[in-house]
C-alpha atoms as a PDB file:
ATOM      1  CA  MET A   1     -72.275-128.564 -46.396  1.00  0.00           C
ATOM      2  CA  LYS A   2     -75.320-130.940 -47.811  1.00  0.00           C
ATOM      3  CA  GLU A   3     -76.866-128.329 -49.199  1.00  0.00           C
ATOM      4  CA  THR A   4     -74.631-126.462 -51.021  1.00  0.00           C
ATOM      5  CA  LEU A   5     -73.654-129.960 -52.857  1.00  0.00           C
ATOM      6  CA  ASN A   6     -77.187-130.403 -53.798  1.00  0.00           C
ATOM      7  CA  GLY A   7     -77.138-126.805 -54.647  1.00  0.00           C
ATOM      8  CA  PHE A   8     -74.343-127.193 -57.150  1.00  0.00           C
ATOM      9  CA  LYS A   9     -75.418-130.463 -58.490  1.00  0.00           C
ATOM     10  CA  GLU A  10     -78.983-128.612 -59.333  1.00  0.00           C
ATOM     11  CA  PHE A  11     -77.116-125.885 -60.458  1.00  0.00           C
ATOM     12  CA  ILE A  12     -74.781-128.065 -62.867  1.00  0.00           C
ATOM     13  CA  LEU A  13     -77.396-130.894 -64.233  1.00  0.00           C
ATOM     14  CA  ARG A  14     -80.080-127.414 -65.244  1.00  0.00           C
ATOM     15  CA  GLY A  15     -79.811-127.424 -69.261  1.00  0.00           C
ATOM     16  CA  ASN A  16     -78.430-124.375 -69.610  1.00  0.00           C
ATOM     17  CA  VAL A  17     -75.505-124.777 -67.344  1.00  0.00           C
ATOM     18  CA  ILE A  18     -74.538-128.262 -69.782  1.00  0.00           C
ATOM     19  CA  GLU A  19     -75.535-126.766 -73.343  1.00  0.00           C
ATOM     20  CA  LEU A  20     -73.152-123.811 -72.457  1.00  0.00           C
ATOM     21  CA  ALA A  21     -70.434-126.068 -72.223  1.00  0.00           C
ATOM     22  CA  VAL A  22     -71.139-127.671 -74.340  1.00  0.00           C
ATOM     23  CA  ALA A  23     -70.832-124.641 -76.667  1.00  0.00           C
ATOM     24  CA  VAL A  24     -67.860-123.514 -75.525  1.00  0.00           C
ATOM     25  CA  ILE A  25     -66.146-126.753 -76.503  1.00  0.00           C
ATOM     26  CA  VAL A  26     -67.756-127.114 -80.065  1.00  0.00           C
ATOM     27  CA  GLY A  27     -66.542-123.333 -80.496  1.00  0.00           C
ATOM     28  CA  THR A  28     -62.975-123.675 -79.403  1.00  0.00           C
ATOM     29  CA  ALA A  29     -62.501-126.760 -82.184  1.00  0.00           C
ATOM     30  CA  PHE A  30     -64.485-124.802 -84.701  1.00  0.00           C
ATOM     31  CA  SER A  31     -62.232-121.959 -83.747  1.00  0.00           C
ATOM     32  CA  ASP A  32     -58.911-124.178 -84.689  1.00  0.00           C
ATOM     33  CA  ILE A  33     -60.312-125.458 -87.886  1.00  0.00           C
ATOM     34  CA  VAL A  34     -61.293-121.742 -89.205  1.00  0.00           C
ATOM     35  CA  ALA A  35     -57.974-121.092 -87.938  1.00  0.00           C
ATOM     36  CA  LYS A  36     -56.095-123.970 -89.923  1.00  0.00           C
ATOM     37  CA  ILE A  37     -58.858-123.050 -93.011  1.00  0.00           C
ATOM     38  CA  GLN A  38     -57.254-119.631 -93.124  1.00  0.00           C
ATOM     39  CA  GLU A  39     -53.429-120.108 -92.315  1.00  0.00           C
ATOM     40  CA  GLY A  40     -53.276-122.843 -94.485  1.00  0.00           C
ATOM     41  CA  VAL A  41     -55.657-121.261 -97.673  1.00  0.00           C
ATOM     42  CA  ILE A  42     -56.847-117.701 -97.463  1.00  0.00           C
ATOM     43  CA  ASN A  43     -53.627-116.304 -96.209  1.00  0.00           C
ATOM     44  CA  PRO A  44     -51.750-117.692 -99.129  1.00  0.00           C
ATOM     45  CA  LEU A  45     -53.907-116.543-101.632  1.00  0.00           C
ATOM     46  CA  ILE A  46     -53.943-113.309-100.324  1.00  0.00           C
ATOM     47  CA  ALA A  47     -50.696-112.712 -99.598  1.00  0.00           C
ATOM     48  CA  ALA A  48     -49.247-113.871-103.048  1.00  0.00           C
ATOM     49  CA  PHE A  49     -52.112-112.164-104.546  1.00  0.00           C
ATOM     50  CA  PHE A  50     -49.537-108.747-103.057  1.00  0.00           C
ATOM     51  CA  ALA A  51     -46.411-110.744-103.556  1.00  0.00           C
ATOM     52  CA  ALA A  52     -45.833-111.112-100.013  1.00  0.00           C
ATOM     53  CA  PRO A  53     -44.786-114.489 -98.056  1.00  0.00           C
ATOM     54  CA  ASP A  54     -47.738-114.168 -95.509  1.00  0.00           C
ATOM     55  CA  LEU A  55     -50.154-112.119 -94.689  1.00  0.00           C
ATOM     56  CA  SER A  56     -48.153-110.824 -91.884  1.00  0.00           C
ATOM     57  CA  SER A  57     -46.448-108.788 -94.259  1.00  0.00           C
ATOM     58  CA  VAL A  58     -48.610-107.752 -96.338  1.00  0.00           C
ATOM     59  CA  GLY A  59     -48.067-103.950 -95.490  1.00  0.00           C
ATOM     60  CA  ALA A  60     -45.143-103.791 -93.104  1.00  0.00           C
ATOM     61  CA  PHE A  61     -43.991-101.234 -93.456  1.00  0.00           C
ATOM     62  CA  THR A  62     -41.386 -99.641 -90.473  1.00  0.00           C
ATOM     63  CA  ILE A  63     -40.690 -96.114 -88.646  1.00  0.00           C
ATOM     64  CA  ASN A  64     -38.312 -96.147 -86.068  1.00  0.00           C
ATOM     65  CA  ASP A  65     -37.256 -99.185 -86.159  1.00  0.00           C
ATOM     66  CA  SER A  66     -40.404-100.216 -85.422  1.00  0.00           C
ATOM     67  CA  VAL A  67     -42.276-102.958 -87.417  1.00  0.00           C
ATOM     68  CA  PHE A  68     -45.947-101.816 -88.149  1.00  0.00           C
ATOM     69  CA  ARG A  69     -48.208-105.260 -89.827  1.00  0.00           C
ATOM     70  CA  PRO A  70     -51.263-103.750 -91.392  1.00  0.00           C
ATOM     71  CA  GLY A  71     -51.154-107.324 -92.414  1.00  0.00           C
ATOM     72  CA  LEU A  72     -52.147-108.791 -88.760  1.00  0.00           C
ATOM     73  CA  VAL A  73     -54.949-107.425 -88.090  1.00  0.00           C
ATOM     74  CA  LEU A  74     -56.483-108.411 -91.588  1.00  0.00           C
ATOM     75  CA  ASN A  75     -55.961-111.716 -90.725  1.00  0.00           C
ATOM     76  CA  ALA A  76     -57.662-110.977 -87.557  1.00  0.00           C
ATOM     77  CA  VAL A  77     -60.935-109.229 -89.736  1.00  0.00           C
ATOM     78  CA  ILE A  78     -61.046-112.444 -91.855  1.00  0.00           C
ATOM     79  CA  ASN A  79     -61.166-115.143 -89.133  1.00  0.00           C
ATOM     80  CA  PHE A  80     -63.681-113.199 -87.576  1.00  0.00           C
ATOM     81  CA  LEU A  81     -65.976-112.852 -90.847  1.00  0.00           C
ATOM     82  CA  ILE A  82     -65.801-116.262 -91.637  1.00  0.00           C
ATOM     83  CA  VAL A  83     -66.689-117.474 -87.418  1.00  0.00           C
ATOM     84  CA  ALA A  84     -69.713-114.759 -87.356  1.00  0.00           C
ATOM     85  CA  ALA A  85     -70.794-116.194 -91.614  1.00  0.00           C
ATOM     86  CA  VAL A  86     -71.163-119.466 -90.252  1.00  0.00           C
ATOM     87  CA  ILE A  87     -72.593-118.715 -86.915  1.00  0.00           C
ATOM     88  CA  TYR A  88     -75.468-116.776 -88.371  1.00  0.00           C
ATOM     89  CA  PHE A  89     -75.310-118.946 -91.187  1.00  0.00           C
ATOM     90  CA  VAL A  90     -75.466-122.314 -89.139  1.00  0.00           C
ATOM     91  CA  ILE A  91     -76.869-121.048 -85.977  1.00  0.00           C
ATOM     92  CA  ILE A  92     -78.900-117.665 -86.151  1.00  0.00           C
ATOM     93  CA  LEU A  93     -80.908-118.282 -90.090  1.00  0.00           C
ATOM     94  CA  PRO A  94     -81.794-121.786 -89.236  1.00  0.00           C
ATOM     95  CA  ILE A  95     -83.191-120.122 -85.715  1.00  0.00           C
ATOM     96  CA  ASN A  96     -85.171-117.532 -87.184  1.00  0.00           C
ATOM     97  CA  LYS A  97     -87.385-119.428 -89.578  1.00  0.00           C
ATOM     98  CA  LEU A  98     -87.922-122.179 -86.778  1.00  0.00           C
ATOM     99  CA  ALA A  99     -89.430-119.251 -84.711  1.00  0.00           C
ATOM    100  CA  GLN A 100     -91.220-117.999 -88.498  1.00  0.00           C
ATOM    101  CA  ALA A 101     -91.839-122.011 -89.061  1.00  0.00           C
ATOM    102  CA  ARG A 102     -93.752-121.852 -85.400  1.00  0.00           C
ATOM    103  CA  LYS A 103     -95.012-118.398 -85.377  1.00  0.00           C
ATOM    104  CA  ARG A 104     -96.924-119.263 -88.368  1.00  0.00           C
ATOM    105  CA  GLY A 105     -98.953-122.025 -86.785  1.00  0.00           C
ATOM    106  CA  GLU A 106     -99.491-121.036 -83.730  1.00  0.00           C
ATOM    107  CA  VAL A 107    -103.686-120.567 -83.666  1.00  0.00           C
ATOM    108  CA  SER A 108    -104.550-117.308 -82.291  1.00  0.00           C
ATOM    109  CA  GLU A 109    -106.889-117.860 -78.718  1.00  0.00           C
ATOM    110  CA  PRO A 110    -110.596-116.596 -79.046  1.00  0.00           C
ATOM    111  CA  ALA A 111    -111.179-113.265 -77.964  1.00  0.00           C
ATOM    112  CA  ALA A 112    -112.486-112.578 -74.857  1.00  0.00           C
ATOM    113  CA  PRO A 113    -116.133-111.415 -74.514  1.00  0.00           C
ATOM    114  CA  SER A 114    -116.414-108.122 -74.567  1.00  0.00           C
ATOM    115  CA  GLU A 115    -117.566-106.332 -71.583  1.00  0.00           C
ATOM    116  CA  GLU A 116    -121.834-106.030 -72.722  1.00  0.00           C
ATOM    117  CA  ILE A 117    -121.789-109.879 -73.329  1.00  0.00           C
ATOM    118  CA  LEU A 118    -120.384-110.417 -69.869  1.00  0.00           C
ATOM    119  CA  LEU A 119    -122.814-107.715 -68.481  1.00  0.00           C
ATOM    120  CA  LEU A 120    -125.880-109.636 -70.448  1.00  0.00           C
ATOM    121  CA  GLN A 121    -124.445-112.961 -68.741  1.00  0.00           C
ATOM    122  CA  GLU A 122    -124.391-111.679 -65.174  1.00  0.00           C
ATOM    123  CA  ILE A 123    -127.797-109.995 -66.220  1.00  0.00           C
ATOM    124  CA  ARG A 124    -129.249-113.126 -67.388  1.00  0.00           C
ATOM    125  CA  ASP A 125    -127.531-115.381 -64.692  1.00  0.00           C
ATOM    126  CA  LEU A 126    -129.430-112.628 -62.004  1.00  0.00           C
ATOM    127  CA  LEU A 127    -132.582-113.614 -63.985  1.00  0.00           C
ATOM    128  CA  LYS A 128    -132.033-117.208 -63.978  1.00  0.00           C
ATOM    129  CA  GLN A 129    -131.967-117.417 -60.102  1.00  0.00           C
ATOM    130  CA  GLN A 130    -134.760-114.788 -59.554  1.00  0.00           C
ATOM    131  CA  ASN A 131    -137.491-117.474 -62.296  1.00  0.00           C
ATOM    132  CA  GLY A 132    -136.251-120.150 -60.449  1.00  0.00           C
ATOM    133  CA  GLY A 133    -133.792-121.446 -63.212  1.00  0.00           C
ATOM    134  CA  ALA A 134    -136.508-121.179 -66.329  1.00  0.00           C
ATOM    135  CA  THR A 135    -134.258-120.317 -68.882  1.00  0.00           C
ATOM    136  CA  SER A 136    -132.074-123.736 -70.778  1.00  0.00           C
ATOM    137  CA  GLU A 137    -128.753-121.565 -70.712  1.00  0.00           C
ATOM    138  CA  ALA A 138    -125.880-122.342 -68.753  1.00  0.00           C
ATOM    139  CA  PRO A 139    -124.809-119.451 -66.096  1.00  0.00           C
ATOM    140  CA  GLY A 140    -121.498-117.998 -68.159  1.00  0.00           C
ATOM    141  CA  THR A 141    -122.704-119.284 -71.632  1.00  0.00           C
ATOM    142  CA  THR A 142    -122.981-116.769 -74.608  1.00  0.00           C
ATOM    143  CA  PRO A 143    -126.833-116.477 -75.203  1.00  0.00           C
ATOM    144  CA  THR A 144    -128.287-118.069 -78.234  1.00  0.00           C
ATOM    145  CA  LEU A 145    -130.829-116.437 -80.650  1.00  0.00           C
END
């Protein structure tokens, strides 16, 4: 039982889980803000353009007592586009710019020595061992000319 609780504690205290929980809460609050802006400002403007009382009645038609409301679909599309645009410009674009800035700031590691250089170093080290270490080069270093 104690191991289970410790495992749960480790799971909860991981940064990713906490960040995900914060993201869900902020996302829910943001979604509500977008919905209110859409209901209070955008929908009335579009409805006024179509001379309709609200967006749900824009393009509405009835077939056999069934009411079809394409305005509701338009409403959902507008909501999606607003959320997608804000996420792109507020989150995705800055993250991409940060990644590019990090990439530019990276220092490339020196290239590994070629096989020929490694072979020459090995030959040099073997010769040193045979001659009793008479050369001044340290083992594994590139010979100077």
